Amino acid sequence: MSESQNTIYSLSRDYGKLFRLICEGHRIAAWADTFSMRDAEGNPYRDICEVRRSGAYEIMISARGTGYGNVWPFMKEEGTEEDVFAKACKGCNLEWIDPVPDAK
């Protein structure tokens, strides 16, 4: 997220923690960059979306039928499920709402 954007949510890029949460069955709210729409400064617009896992190598990062990053069984050759998932998250600049931020 650009420095000019402001949010009251505790956002995270800890994709390892997010992977563990979705493997436990949680559905997590997140923000992802759009692929085609940008503001006047050239920054991508961001959409709120859901991250969920329905099975091994079956992870969706999506909203209203739009996929921002997915993990599918044919991607097994690309690495572990967690590694492929992290790559998908990075590809759409995913930031997720951490319901319980780690204590500092």
N, C-alpha and C. Protein backbone atom coordinates (compact mmCIF):
# COMPACT_ATOMS: atom_id res chain seq x y z
N MET A 1 0.86 -1.16 0.00
CA MET A 1 0.00 0.00 0.00
C MET A 1 0.91 1.23 0.00
N SER A 2 0.54 2.23 -0.79
CA SER A 2 1.37 3.42 -0.84
C SER A 2 1.28 4.18 0.48
N GLU A 3 2.29 4.99 0.74
CA GLU A 3 2.34 5.73 1.99
C GLU A 3 1.19 6.73 2.11
N SER A 4 0.60 7.14 0.98
CA SER A 4 -0.47 8.13 1.03
C SER A 4 -1.81 7.52 1.47
N GLN A 5 -1.93 6.20 1.42
CA GLN A 5 -3.17 5.58 1.83
C GLN A 5 -3.17 5.38 3.33
N ASN A 6 -4.35 5.44 3.92
CA ASN A 6 -4.47 5.34 5.36
C ASN A 6 -5.52 4.30 5.70
N THR A 7 -5.25 3.50 6.70
CA THR A 7 -6.21 2.49 7.13
C THR A 7 -6.17 2.34 8.64
N ILE A 8 -7.29 1.96 9.21
CA ILE A 8 -7.33 1.71 10.65
C ILE A 8 -7.09 0.25 10.97
N TYR A 9 -6.96 -0.59 9.93
CA TYR A 9 -6.76 -2.02 10.13
C TYR A 9 -5.29 -2.35 10.32
N SER A 10 -5.04 -3.43 11.02
CA SER A 10 -3.69 -3.94 11.16
C SER A 10 -3.42 -4.85 9.97
N LEU A 11 -2.68 -4.35 8.98
CA LEU A 11 -2.41 -5.10 7.77
C LEU A 11 -1.08 -5.81 7.86
N SER A 12 -1.00 -6.96 7.20
CA SER A 12 0.20 -7.78 7.27
C SER A 12 0.59 -8.29 5.89
N ARG A 13 1.88 -8.50 5.72
CA ARG A 13 2.43 -9.19 4.54
C ARG A 13 3.11 -10.49 4.99
N ASP A 14 2.78 -10.97 6.16
CA ASP A 14 3.33 -12.23 6.66
C ASP A 14 2.56 -13.36 5.99
N TYR A 15 3.04 -13.77 4.81
CA TYR A 15 2.31 -14.76 4.03
C TYR A 15 2.41 -16.15 4.64
N GLY A 16 3.43 -16.41 5.44
CA GLY A 16 3.53 -17.68 6.16
C GLY A 16 2.40 -17.82 7.17
N LYS A 17 2.16 -16.75 7.92
CA LYS A 17 1.07 -16.76 8.91
C LYS A 17 -0.28 -16.87 8.20
N LEU A 18 -0.44 -16.14 7.12
CA LEU A 18 -1.69 -16.19 6.36
C LEU A 18 -1.92 -17.61 5.84
N PHE A 19 -0.87 -18.25 5.33
CA PHE A 19 -1.00 -19.62 4.84
C PHE A 19 -1.46 -20.56 5.95
N ARG A 20 -0.86 -20.42 7.13
CA ARG A 20 -1.28 -21.27 8.25
C ARG A 20 -2.75 -21.04 8.60
N LEU A 21 -3.19 -19.79 8.60
CA LEU A 21 -4.59 -19.49 8.93
C LEU A 21 -5.56 -20.08 7.92
N ILE A 22 -5.26 -19.94 6.64
CA ILE A 22 -6.20 -20.49 5.65
C ILE A 22 -6.17 -22.02 5.65
N CYS A 23 -5.02 -22.61 6.01
CA CYS A 23 -4.96 -24.07 6.13
C CYS A 23 -5.79 -24.57 7.30
N GLU A 24 -6.01 -23.72 8.29
CA GLU A 24 -6.88 -24.05 9.43
C GLU A 24 -8.35 -23.85 9.08
N GLY A 25 -8.63 -23.36 7.88
CA GLY A 25 -10.01 -23.17 7.43
C GLY A 25 -10.53 -21.75 7.51
N HIS A 26 -9.70 -20.80 7.93
CA HIS A 26 -10.15 -19.41 8.03
C HIS A 26 -10.25 -18.78 6.64
N ARG A 27 -11.19 -17.88 6.50
CA ARG A 27 -11.34 -17.06 5.30
C ARG A 27 -10.94 -15.65 5.71
N ILE A 28 -9.96 -15.09 5.03
CA ILE A 28 -9.33 -13.85 5.49
C ILE A 28 -9.59 -12.71 4.50
N ALA A 29 -9.93 -11.54 5.04
CA ALA A 29 -10.11 -10.34 4.23
C ALA A 29 -8.75 -9.72 3.95
N ALA A 30 -8.60 -9.19 2.73
CA ALA A 30 -7.31 -8.63 2.31
C ALA A 30 -7.53 -7.55 1.26
N TRP A 31 -6.45 -6.86 0.92
CA TRP A 31 -6.43 -5.91 -0.19
C TRP A 31 -5.43 -6.40 -1.21
N ALA A 32 -5.78 -6.24 -2.50
CA ALA A 32 -4.89 -6.62 -3.60
C ALA A 32 -4.93 -5.52 -4.65
N ASP A 33 -3.83 -5.36 -5.36
CA ASP A 33 -3.78 -4.40 -6.46
C ASP A 33 -4.64 -4.88 -7.62
N THR A 34 -5.33 -3.95 -8.27
CA THR A 34 -6.02 -4.28 -9.51
C THR A 34 -4.95 -4.38 -10.60
N PHE A 35 -5.27 -5.07 -11.66
CA PHE A 35 -4.29 -5.26 -12.73
C PHE A 35 -4.35 -4.19 -13.80
N SER A 36 -5.47 -3.50 -13.91
CA SER A 36 -5.62 -2.60 -15.05
C SER A 36 -5.97 -1.16 -14.71
N MET A 37 -6.38 -0.87 -13.49
CA MET A 37 -6.81 0.49 -13.17
C MET A 37 -5.81 1.17 -12.24
N ARG A 38 -5.47 2.43 -12.59
CA ARG A 38 -4.49 3.19 -11.81
C ARG A 38 -5.01 4.60 -11.57
N ASP A 39 -4.52 5.23 -10.50
CA ASP A 39 -4.90 6.61 -10.21
C ASP A 39 -4.06 7.56 -11.05
N ALA A 40 -4.26 8.86 -10.85
CA ALA A 40 -3.58 9.87 -11.66
C ALA A 40 -2.05 9.81 -11.49
N GLU A 41 -1.57 9.33 -10.35
CA GLU A 41 -0.13 9.22 -10.11
C GLU A 41 0.45 7.90 -10.62
N GLY A 42 -0.40 7.03 -11.16
CA GLY A 42 0.08 5.76 -11.68
C GLY A 42 0.06 4.62 -10.68
N ASN A 43 -0.46 4.87 -9.48
CA ASN A 43 -0.56 3.80 -8.47
C ASN A 43 -1.78 2.93 -8.76
N PRO A 44 -1.64 1.62 -8.64
CA PRO A 44 -2.80 0.76 -8.90
C PRO A 44 -3.88 0.96 -7.84
N TYR A 45 -5.13 0.90 -8.28
CA TYR A 45 -6.23 0.87 -7.33
C TYR A 45 -6.18 -0.47 -6.62
N ARG A 46 -6.73 -0.50 -5.40
CA ARG A 46 -6.72 -1.73 -4.62
C ARG A 46 -8.14 -2.15 -4.32
N ASP A 47 -8.38 -3.44 -4.39
CA ASP A 47 -9.68 -4.00 -4.09
C ASP A 47 -9.60 -4.81 -2.81
N ILE A 48 -10.70 -4.79 -2.05
CA ILE A 48 -10.77 -5.70 -0.92
C ILE A 48 -11.21 -7.06 -1.48
N CYS A 49 -10.61 -8.11 -0.96
CA CYS A 49 -10.89 -9.44 -1.48
C CYS A 49 -10.83 -10.45 -0.34
N GLU A 50 -11.08 -11.70 -0.69
CA GLU A 50 -11.07 -12.77 0.30
C GLU A 50 -10.00 -13.79 -0.09
N VAL A 51 -9.31 -14.31 0.92
CA VAL A 51 -8.32 -15.37 0.72
C VAL A 51 -8.87 -16.62 1.39
N ARG A 52 -8.96 -17.71 0.63
CA ARG A 52 -9.50 -18.95 1.18
C ARG A 52 -8.85 -20.15 0.50
N ARG A 53 -8.87 -21.26 1.20
CA ARG A 53 -8.27 -22.51 0.69
C ARG A 53 -9.33 -23.59 0.76
N SER A 54 -9.53 -24.29 -0.35
CA SER A 54 -10.52 -25.38 -0.35
C SER A 54 -9.86 -26.76 -0.37
N GLY A 55 -8.54 -26.81 -0.55
CA GLY A 55 -7.82 -28.08 -0.54
C GLY A 55 -6.37 -27.84 -0.92
N ALA A 56 -5.60 -28.91 -0.96
CA ALA A 56 -4.19 -28.80 -1.32
C ALA A 56 -4.03 -28.18 -2.71
N TYR A 57 -3.23 -27.14 -2.79
CA TYR A 57 -3.00 -26.42 -4.05
C TYR A 57 -4.30 -25.90 -4.65
N GLU A 58 -5.24 -25.51 -3.81
CA GLU A 58 -6.49 -24.89 -4.25
C GLU A 58 -6.77 -23.69 -3.37
N ILE A 59 -6.14 -22.57 -3.71
CA ILE A 59 -6.26 -21.34 -2.94
C ILE A 59 -6.73 -20.23 -3.87
N MET A 60 -7.70 -19.47 -3.39
CA MET A 60 -8.25 -18.38 -4.19
C MET A 60 -8.03 -17.05 -3.46
N ILE A 61 -7.59 -16.07 -4.20
CA ILE A 61 -7.53 -14.68 -3.76
C ILE A 61 -8.46 -13.96 -4.73
N SER A 62 -9.68 -13.63 -4.27
CA SER A 62 -10.67 -13.16 -5.23
C SER A 62 -11.75 -12.29 -4.59
N ALA A 63 -12.48 -11.61 -5.48
CA ALA A 63 -13.66 -10.81 -5.08
C ALA A 63 -14.58 -10.70 -6.28
N ARG A 64 -15.83 -10.95 -6.06
CA ARG A 64 -16.86 -10.77 -7.10
C ARG A 64 -16.48 -11.43 -8.42
N GLY A 65 -15.90 -12.60 -8.39
CA GLY A 65 -15.55 -13.31 -9.61
C GLY A 65 -14.23 -12.89 -10.24
N THR A 66 -13.54 -11.94 -9.63
CA THR A 66 -12.24 -11.51 -10.14
C THR A 66 -11.15 -12.16 -9.30
N GLY A 67 -10.26 -12.88 -9.95
CA GLY A 67 -9.14 -13.50 -9.26
C GLY A 67 -7.92 -12.61 -9.32
N TYR A 68 -7.26 -12.44 -8.18
CA TYR A 68 -6.05 -11.62 -8.11
C TYR A 68 -4.81 -12.49 -8.03
N GLY A 69 -4.99 -13.69 -7.56
CA GLY A 69 -3.91 -14.65 -7.46
C GLY A 69 -4.50 -15.96 -6.99
N ASN A 70 -4.13 -17.04 -7.64
CA ASN A 70 -4.68 -18.34 -7.29
C ASN A 70 -3.56 -19.37 -7.26
N VAL A 71 -3.82 -20.45 -6.55
CA VAL A 71 -2.93 -21.59 -6.53
C VAL A 71 -3.76 -22.79 -6.96
N TRP A 72 -3.28 -23.50 -7.98
CA TRP A 72 -4.01 -24.64 -8.53
C TRP A 72 -3.11 -25.87 -8.54
N PRO A 73 -3.71 -27.09 -8.56
CA PRO A 73 -2.92 -28.32 -8.53
C PRO A 73 -1.84 -28.41 -9.62
N PHE A 74 -2.07 -27.85 -10.79
CA PHE A 74 -1.05 -27.94 -11.84
C PHE A 74 0.23 -27.16 -11.50
N MET A 75 0.19 -26.36 -10.43
CA MET A 75 1.35 -25.56 -10.02
C MET A 75 2.29 -26.32 -9.09
N LYS A 76 2.00 -27.58 -8.78
CA LYS A 76 2.83 -28.35 -7.86
C LYS A 76 4.30 -28.37 -8.29
N GLU A 77 4.55 -28.35 -9.57
CA GLU A 77 5.93 -28.37 -10.09
C GLU A 77 6.69 -27.09 -9.78
N GLU A 78 5.98 -26.02 -9.42
CA GLU A 78 6.61 -24.73 -9.15
C GLU A 78 7.16 -24.61 -7.74
N GLY A 79 6.83 -25.55 -6.86
CA GLY A 79 7.33 -25.51 -5.49
C GLY A 79 6.30 -25.99 -4.50
N THR A 80 6.61 -25.81 -3.22
CA THR A 80 5.67 -26.20 -2.19
C THR A 80 4.42 -25.32 -2.30
N GLU A 81 3.34 -25.80 -1.75
CA GLU A 81 2.10 -25.01 -1.79
C GLU A 81 2.30 -23.64 -1.14
N GLU A 82 3.00 -23.61 -0.02
CA GLU A 82 3.23 -22.33 0.67
C GLU A 82 4.08 -21.40 -0.17
N ASP A 83 5.11 -21.92 -0.84
CA ASP A 83 5.96 -21.07 -1.69
C ASP A 83 5.18 -20.52 -2.88
N VAL A 84 4.37 -21.35 -3.52
CA VAL A 84 3.56 -20.91 -4.66
C VAL A 84 2.55 -19.86 -4.19
N PHE A 85 1.97 -20.08 -3.02
CA PHE A 85 1.02 -19.13 -2.45
C PHE A 85 1.69 -17.78 -2.18
N ALA A 86 2.88 -17.79 -1.57
CA ALA A 86 3.59 -16.54 -1.28
C ALA A 86 3.89 -15.79 -2.57
N LYS A 87 4.24 -16.50 -3.61
CA LYS A 87 4.52 -15.86 -4.91
C LYS A 87 3.25 -15.20 -5.46
N ALA A 88 2.10 -15.87 -5.33
CA ALA A 88 0.83 -15.30 -5.78
C ALA A 88 0.50 -14.03 -4.98
N CYS A 89 0.75 -14.08 -3.67
CA CYS A 89 0.48 -12.92 -2.81
C CYS A 89 1.35 -11.73 -3.21
N LYS A 90 2.62 -11.99 -3.43
CA LYS A 90 3.54 -10.92 -3.83
C LYS A 90 3.14 -10.34 -5.18
N GLY A 91 2.66 -11.21 -6.08
CA GLY A 91 2.28 -10.77 -7.42
C GLY A 91 1.14 -9.78 -7.44
N CYS A 92 0.26 -9.85 -6.46
CA CYS A 92 -0.87 -8.90 -6.41
C CYS A 92 -0.72 -7.90 -5.26
N ASN A 93 0.49 -7.84 -4.66
CA ASN A 93 0.78 -6.89 -3.60
C ASN A 93 -0.22 -7.03 -2.45
N LEU A 94 -0.48 -8.26 -2.06
CA LEU A 94 -1.51 -8.56 -1.06
C LEU A 94 -1.12 -8.08 0.33
N GLU A 95 -2.05 -7.42 0.98
CA GLU A 95 -1.96 -7.09 2.40
C GLU A 95 -3.24 -7.59 3.03
N TRP A 96 -3.11 -8.34 4.10
CA TRP A 96 -4.29 -8.95 4.71
C TRP A 96 -4.53 -8.39 6.10
N ILE A 97 -5.80 -8.45 6.51
CA ILE A 97 -6.19 -7.95 7.82
C ILE A 97 -5.87 -9.02 8.84
N ASP A 98 -4.90 -8.73 9.68
CA ASP A 98 -4.47 -9.67 10.71
C ASP A 98 -5.38 -9.46 11.92
N PRO A 99 -6.28 -10.43 12.20
CA PRO A 99 -7.21 -10.25 13.31
C PRO A 99 -6.53 -10.25 14.68
N VAL A 100 -5.36 -10.88 14.76
CA VAL A 100 -4.63 -10.94 16.01
C VAL A 100 -3.15 -10.67 15.70
N PRO A 101 -2.78 -9.38 15.60
CA PRO A 101 -1.38 -9.07 15.30
C PRO A 101 -0.44 -9.65 16.35
N ASP A 102 0.72 -10.09 15.90
CA ASP A 102 1.72 -10.61 16.82
C ASP A 102 2.14 -9.53 17.80
N ALA A 103 2.29 -9.90 19.06
CA ALA A 103 2.73 -8.95 20.07
C ALA A 103 4.17 -8.55 19.78
N LYS A 104 4.49 -7.31 20.03
CA LYS A 104 5.86 -6.84 19.76
C LYS A 104 6.60 -6.65 21.05
